[in-house]
Amino acid sequence: MAKSEAEKDPAVKGKGKLKMIILLVLVLLLVIGASIGATWFFLHKGAEAKPAEAAAAAPAGKQPALYEPLTPAFVVNFKQDGRDRYMQVSLTMQARDKADLDALLVHMPVIRNNLVMMFSGEDFATLATPVGEEMLRQKATAAVQAVAQKEVGKPVIDQLLFTNFVLQ
């Protein structure tokens, strides 16, 4: 008799399906939670081991970058179409070896002189383009590396970076 009542009553069937859906959602949430927990555990376990590996591998590989700003900023004036134009550029040297960088800093007057002479010989209209700006950065890097090669015996710096570039 109870079986026939359960088959006839749709509310009893609906409750059974609802319980089944809730159970499936709970199992699914449990599986997702376990997956996230395992992923987090293994990623953090690997991250804790990497600093020790990185410290051991650093001397053998590339050394971290060192940055040395060239202060004060360079200011150069230009004449273009009868108007006075100005360029202000702040530079930072990127190097890898502190001892070599310190040896190069002794020759900073020569470096600054060469850069000012190079900057003042550029065409203002060319510098106003992104390509001209990048070409100037590469020329400046080559100029500093030339002084480093002559005075220290190696290029010392990887590149010069423009930290501020203003044309007016």
C-alpha atoms as a PDB file:
ATOM      1  CA  MET A   1       0.000   0.000   0.000  1.00  0.00           C
ATOM      2  CA  ALA A   2       2.829   2.442   0.807  1.00  0.00           C
ATOM      3  CA  LYS A   3       4.452   1.638  -2.489  1.00  0.00           C
ATOM      4  CA  SER A   4       1.376   2.442  -4.466  1.00  0.00           C
ATOM      5  CA  GLU A   5       0.929   5.749  -2.618  1.00  0.00           C
ATOM      6  CA  ALA A   6       4.547   6.796  -3.332  1.00  0.00           C
ATOM      7  CA  GLU A   7       4.126   5.976  -6.991  1.00  0.00           C
ATOM      8  CA  LYS A   8       0.939   7.974  -7.209  1.00  0.00           C
ATOM      9  CA  ASP A   9       2.118  11.030  -5.208  1.00  0.00           C
ATOM     10  CA  PRO A  10       4.337  13.310  -7.399  1.00  0.00           C
ATOM     11  CA  ALA A  11       5.559  15.263  -4.350  1.00  0.00           C
ATOM     12  CA  VAL A  12       7.330  12.178  -3.011  1.00  0.00           C
ATOM     13  CA  LYS A  13       9.082  11.610  -6.359  1.00  0.00           C
ATOM     14  CA  GLY A  14      10.151  15.312  -6.473  1.00  0.00           C
ATOM     15  CA  LYS A  15      11.724  15.089  -2.998  1.00  0.00           C
ATOM     16  CA  GLY A  16      13.767  12.062  -4.030  1.00  0.00           C
ATOM     17  CA  LYS A  17      15.066  13.814  -7.129  1.00  0.00           C
ATOM     18  CA  LEU A  18      15.863  16.957  -5.123  1.00  0.00           C
ATOM     19  CA  LYS A  19      17.881  14.898  -2.615  1.00  0.00           C
ATOM     20  CA  MET A  20      19.750  13.242  -5.473  1.00  0.00           C
ATOM     21  CA  ILE A  21      20.582  16.615  -7.079  1.00  0.00           C
ATOM     22  CA  ILE A  22      21.789  18.077  -3.766  1.00  0.00           C
ATOM     23  CA  LEU A  23      23.937  15.002  -3.178  1.00  0.00           C
ATOM     24  CA  LEU A  24      25.467  15.253  -6.652  1.00  0.00           C
ATOM     25  CA  VAL A  25      26.202  18.995  -6.190  1.00  0.00           C
ATOM     26  CA  LEU A  26      27.885  18.307  -2.841  1.00  0.00           C
ATOM     27  CA  VAL A  27      30.029  15.535  -4.327  1.00  0.00           C
ATOM     28  CA  LEU A  28      30.956  17.797  -7.246  1.00  0.00           C
ATOM     29  CA  LEU A  29      31.938  20.632  -4.859  1.00  0.00           C
ATOM     30  CA  LEU A  30      34.012  18.202  -2.807  1.00  0.00           C
ATOM     31  CA  VAL A  31      35.880  16.997  -5.905  1.00  0.00           C
ATOM     32  CA  ILE A  32      36.512  20.575  -7.084  1.00  0.00           C
ATOM     33  CA  GLY A  33      37.719  21.599  -3.621  1.00  0.00           C
ATOM     34  CA  ALA A  34      40.088  18.635  -3.449  1.00  0.00           C
ATOM     35  CA  SER A  35      41.429  19.490  -6.900  1.00  0.00           C
ATOM     36  CA  ILE A  36      42.065  23.119  -5.974  1.00  0.00           C
ATOM     37  CA  GLY A  37      43.662  22.119  -2.683  1.00  0.00           C
ATOM     38  CA  ALA A  38      46.002  19.632  -4.347  1.00  0.00           C
ATOM     39  CA  THR A  39      46.965  22.150  -7.024  1.00  0.00           C
ATOM     40  CA  TRP A  40      47.668  24.834  -4.433  1.00  0.00           C
ATOM     41  CA  PHE A  41      49.717  22.414  -2.334  1.00  0.00           C
ATOM     42  CA  PHE A  42      51.918  21.276  -5.207  1.00  0.00           C
ATOM     43  CA  LEU A  43      52.415  24.781  -6.616  1.00  0.00           C
ATOM     44  CA  HIS A  44      53.466  26.216  -3.263  1.00  0.00           C
ATOM     45  CA  LYS A  45      55.661  23.236  -2.537  1.00  0.00           C
ATOM     46  CA  GLY A  46      57.478  23.868  -5.853  1.00  0.00           C
ATOM     47  CA  ALA A  47      57.664  27.620  -5.212  1.00  0.00           C
ATOM     48  CA  GLU A  48      59.363  27.063  -1.850  1.00  0.00           C
ATOM     49  CA  ALA A  49      62.013  24.876  -3.468  1.00  0.00           C
ATOM     50  CA  LYS A  50      62.723  27.312  -6.325  1.00  0.00           C
ATOM     51  CA  PRO A  51      64.352  30.143  -4.295  1.00  0.00           C
ATOM     52  CA  ALA A  52      66.993  27.735  -3.027  1.00  0.00           C
ATOM     53  CA  GLU A  53      67.553  26.489  -6.558  1.00  0.00           C
ATOM     54  CA  ALA A  54      67.674  30.036  -7.900  1.00  0.00           C
ATOM     55  CA  ALA A  55      70.246  31.083  -5.318  1.00  0.00           C
ATOM     56  CA  ALA A  56      72.454  28.165  -6.283  1.00  0.00           C
ATOM     57  CA  ALA A  57      72.000  28.800 -10.017  1.00  0.00           C
ATOM     58  CA  ALA A  58      72.506  32.599  -9.927  1.00  0.00           C
ATOM     59  CA  PRO A  59      76.323  32.608  -9.889  1.00  0.00           C
ATOM     60  CA  ALA A  60      76.479  30.149 -12.773  1.00  0.00           C
ATOM     61  CA  GLY A  61      73.925  32.034 -14.928  1.00  0.00           C
ATOM     62  CA  LYS A  62      73.239  35.660 -15.633  1.00  0.00           C
ATOM     63  CA  GLN A  63      73.699  38.044 -12.721  1.00  0.00           C
ATOM     64  CA  PRO A  64      70.852  40.349 -11.709  1.00  0.00           C
ATOM     65  CA  ALA A  65      70.654  43.734 -13.377  1.00  0.00           C
ATOM     66  CA  LEU A  66      72.117  46.802 -11.690  1.00  0.00           C
ATOM     67  CA  TYR A  67      70.882  50.282 -12.555  1.00  0.00           C
ATOM     68  CA  GLU A  68      72.877  53.485 -12.274  1.00  0.00           C
ATOM     69  CA  PRO A  69      71.137  56.770 -13.142  1.00  0.00           C
ATOM     70  CA  LEU A  70      73.101  59.472 -14.939  1.00  0.00           C
ATOM     71  CA  THR A  71      72.220  62.629 -13.041  1.00  0.00           C
ATOM     72  CA  PRO A  72      71.537  65.423 -13.735  1.00  0.00           C
ATOM     73  CA  ALA A  73      69.374  64.999 -16.833  1.00  0.00           C
ATOM     74  CA  PHE A  74      70.806  65.991 -20.215  1.00  0.00           C
ATOM     75  CA  VAL A  75      69.373  69.174 -21.750  1.00  0.00           C
ATOM     76  CA  VAL A  76      70.195  69.962 -25.378  1.00  0.00           C
ATOM     77  CA  ASN A  77      69.007  72.861 -27.514  1.00  0.00           C
ATOM     78  CA  PHE A  78      68.261  72.774 -31.248  1.00  0.00           C
ATOM     79  CA  LYS A  79      67.421  75.306 -33.955  1.00  0.00           C
ATOM     80  CA  GLN A  80      64.624  74.142 -36.228  1.00  0.00           C
ATOM     81  CA  ASP A  81      62.892  76.402 -38.740  1.00  0.00           C
ATOM     82  CA  GLY A  82      64.195  79.473 -36.918  1.00  0.00           C
ATOM     83  CA  ARG A  83      62.753  78.322 -33.582  1.00  0.00           C
ATOM     84  CA  ASP A  84      64.571  77.242 -30.463  1.00  0.00           C
ATOM     85  CA  ARG A  85      63.810  73.649 -29.545  1.00  0.00           C
ATOM     86  CA  TYR A  86      64.899  71.669 -26.501  1.00  0.00           C
ATOM     87  CA  MET A  87      65.381  68.066 -25.541  1.00  0.00           C
ATOM     88  CA  GLN A  88      65.617  66.818 -21.986  1.00  0.00           C
ATOM     89  CA  VAL A  89      66.551  63.197 -21.452  1.00  0.00           C
ATOM     90  CA  SER A  90      67.202  61.277 -18.247  1.00  0.00           C
ATOM     91  CA  LEU A  91      69.298  58.156 -18.651  1.00  0.00           C
ATOM     92  CA  THR A  92      69.937  55.061 -16.554  1.00  0.00           C
ATOM     93  CA  MET A  93      72.677  52.549 -17.280  1.00  0.00           C
ATOM     94  CA  GLN A  94      71.912  48.842 -16.950  1.00  0.00           C
ATOM     95  CA  ALA A  95      74.862  46.620 -16.058  1.00  0.00           C
ATOM     96  CA  ARG A  96      75.460  43.186 -14.510  1.00  0.00           C
ATOM     97  CA  ASP A  97      78.796  43.530 -12.679  1.00  0.00           C
ATOM     98  CA  LYS A  98      79.086  46.008  -9.786  1.00  0.00           C
ATOM     99  CA  ALA A  99      82.890  46.167  -9.890  1.00  0.00           C
ATOM    100  CA  ASP A 100      82.946  46.948 -13.621  1.00  0.00           C
ATOM    101  CA  LEU A 101      80.186  49.542 -13.202  1.00  0.00           C
ATOM    102  CA  ASP A 102      82.135  51.255 -10.420  1.00  0.00           C
ATOM    103  CA  ALA A 103      85.237  51.294 -12.643  1.00  0.00           C
ATOM    104  CA  LEU A 104      83.193  52.912 -15.418  1.00  0.00           C
ATOM    105  CA  LEU A 105      81.724  55.585 -13.118  1.00  0.00           C
ATOM    106  CA  VAL A 106      85.215  57.023 -12.688  1.00  0.00           C
ATOM    107  CA  HIS A 107      85.045  58.042 -16.367  1.00  0.00           C
ATOM    108  CA  MET A 108      81.665  59.774 -16.094  1.00  0.00           C
ATOM    109  CA  PRO A 109      82.942  63.183 -17.358  1.00  0.00           C
ATOM    110  CA  VAL A 110      84.048  61.578 -20.646  1.00  0.00           C
ATOM    111  CA  ILE A 111      80.748  59.707 -20.965  1.00  0.00           C
ATOM    112  CA  ARG A 112      78.656  62.835 -20.317  1.00  0.00           C
ATOM    113  CA  ASN A 113      80.731  64.862 -22.796  1.00  0.00           C
ATOM    114  CA  ASN A 114      80.347  62.251 -25.536  1.00  0.00           C
ATOM    115  CA  LEU A 115      76.609  61.985 -24.941  1.00  0.00           C
ATOM    116  CA  VAL A 116      76.051  65.765 -25.008  1.00  0.00           C
ATOM    117  CA  MET A 117      78.027  66.067 -28.242  1.00  0.00           C
ATOM    118  CA  MET A 118      76.100  63.191 -29.803  1.00  0.00           C
ATOM    119  CA  PHE A 119      72.697  64.533 -28.665  1.00  0.00           C
ATOM    120  CA  SER A 120      73.364  68.029 -29.976  1.00  0.00           C
ATOM    121  CA  GLY A 121      74.308  66.667 -33.415  1.00  0.00           C
ATOM    122  CA  GLU A 122      70.933  64.941 -33.922  1.00  0.00           C
ATOM    123  CA  ASP A 123      68.069  66.216 -36.071  1.00  0.00           C
ATOM    124  CA  PHE A 124      65.104  67.410 -33.991  1.00  0.00           C
ATOM    125  CA  ALA A 125      62.485  66.229 -36.495  1.00  0.00           C
ATOM    126  CA  THR A 126      63.933  62.708 -36.444  1.00  0.00           C
ATOM    127  CA  LEU A 127      63.935  62.609 -32.646  1.00  0.00           C
ATOM    128  CA  ALA A 128      60.227  63.449 -32.583  1.00  0.00           C
ATOM    129  CA  THR A 129      59.385  59.982 -33.940  1.00  0.00           C
ATOM    130  CA  PRO A 130      59.429  56.750 -31.908  1.00  0.00           C
ATOM    131  CA  VAL A 131      61.907  55.227 -34.352  1.00  0.00           C
ATOM    132  CA  GLY A 132      64.197  58.244 -33.986  1.00  0.00           C
ATOM    133  CA  GLU A 133      64.000  57.996 -30.213  1.00  0.00           C
ATOM    134  CA  GLU A 134      64.939  54.302 -30.265  1.00  0.00           C
ATOM    135  CA  MET A 135      67.806  54.962 -32.693  1.00  0.00           C
ATOM    136  CA  LEU A 136      69.088  57.671 -30.344  1.00  0.00           C
ATOM    137  CA  ARG A 137      68.922  55.260 -27.401  1.00  0.00           C
ATOM    138  CA  GLN A 138      70.913  52.670 -29.343  1.00  0.00           C
ATOM    139  CA  LYS A 139      73.516  55.255 -30.421  1.00  0.00           C
ATOM    140  CA  ALA A 140      73.854  56.436 -26.824  1.00  0.00           C
ATOM    141  CA  THR A 141      74.302  52.852 -25.634  1.00  0.00           C
ATOM    142  CA  ALA A 142      77.019  52.313 -28.255  1.00  0.00           C
ATOM    143  CA  ALA A 143      78.758  55.568 -27.228  1.00  0.00           C
ATOM    144  CA  VAL A 144      78.895  54.557 -23.560  1.00  0.00           C
ATOM    145  CA  GLN A 145      80.026  51.033 -24.461  1.00  0.00           C
ATOM    146  CA  ALA A 146      82.820  52.512 -26.591  1.00  0.00           C
ATOM    147  CA  VAL A 147      84.124  54.538 -23.635  1.00  0.00           C
ATOM    148  CA  ALA A 148      83.820  51.467 -21.398  1.00  0.00           C
ATOM    149  CA  GLN A 149      85.706  49.316 -23.902  1.00  0.00           C
ATOM    150  CA  LYS A 150      88.486  51.884 -24.150  1.00  0.00           C
ATOM    151  CA  GLU A 151      88.813  52.622 -20.427  1.00  0.00           C
ATOM    152  CA  VAL A 152      87.765  49.389 -18.675  1.00  0.00           C
ATOM    153  CA  GLY A 153      88.455  46.821 -21.401  1.00  0.00           C
ATOM    154  CA  LYS A 154      84.892  45.529 -21.817  1.00  0.00           C
ATOM    155  CA  PRO A 155      81.476  46.994 -22.710  1.00  0.00           C
ATOM    156  CA  VAL A 156      80.300  46.881 -19.035  1.00  0.00           C
ATOM    157  CA  ILE A 157      76.716  48.077 -19.700  1.00  0.00           C
ATOM    158  CA  ASP A 158      73.972  46.105 -21.388  1.00  0.00           C
ATOM    159  CA  GLN A 159      71.971  49.139 -22.430  1.00  0.00           C
ATOM    160  CA  LEU A 160      71.028  52.705 -21.655  1.00  0.00           C
ATOM    161  CA  LEU A 161      67.421  53.295 -20.700  1.00  0.00           C
ATOM    162  CA  PHE A 162      65.499  56.531 -21.230  1.00  0.00           C
ATOM    163  CA  THR A 163      63.712  57.167 -17.960  1.00  0.00           C
ATOM    164  CA  ASN A 164      62.461  60.544 -19.181  1.00  0.00           C
ATOM    165  CA  PHE A 165      62.402  61.936 -22.726  1.00  0.00           C
ATOM    166  CA  VAL A 166      60.942  65.368 -23.413  1.00  0.00           C
ATOM    167  CA  LEU A 167      61.021  67.317 -26.675  1.00  0.00           C
ATOM    168  CA  GLN A 168      59.781  70.903 -26.748  1.00  0.00           C
END
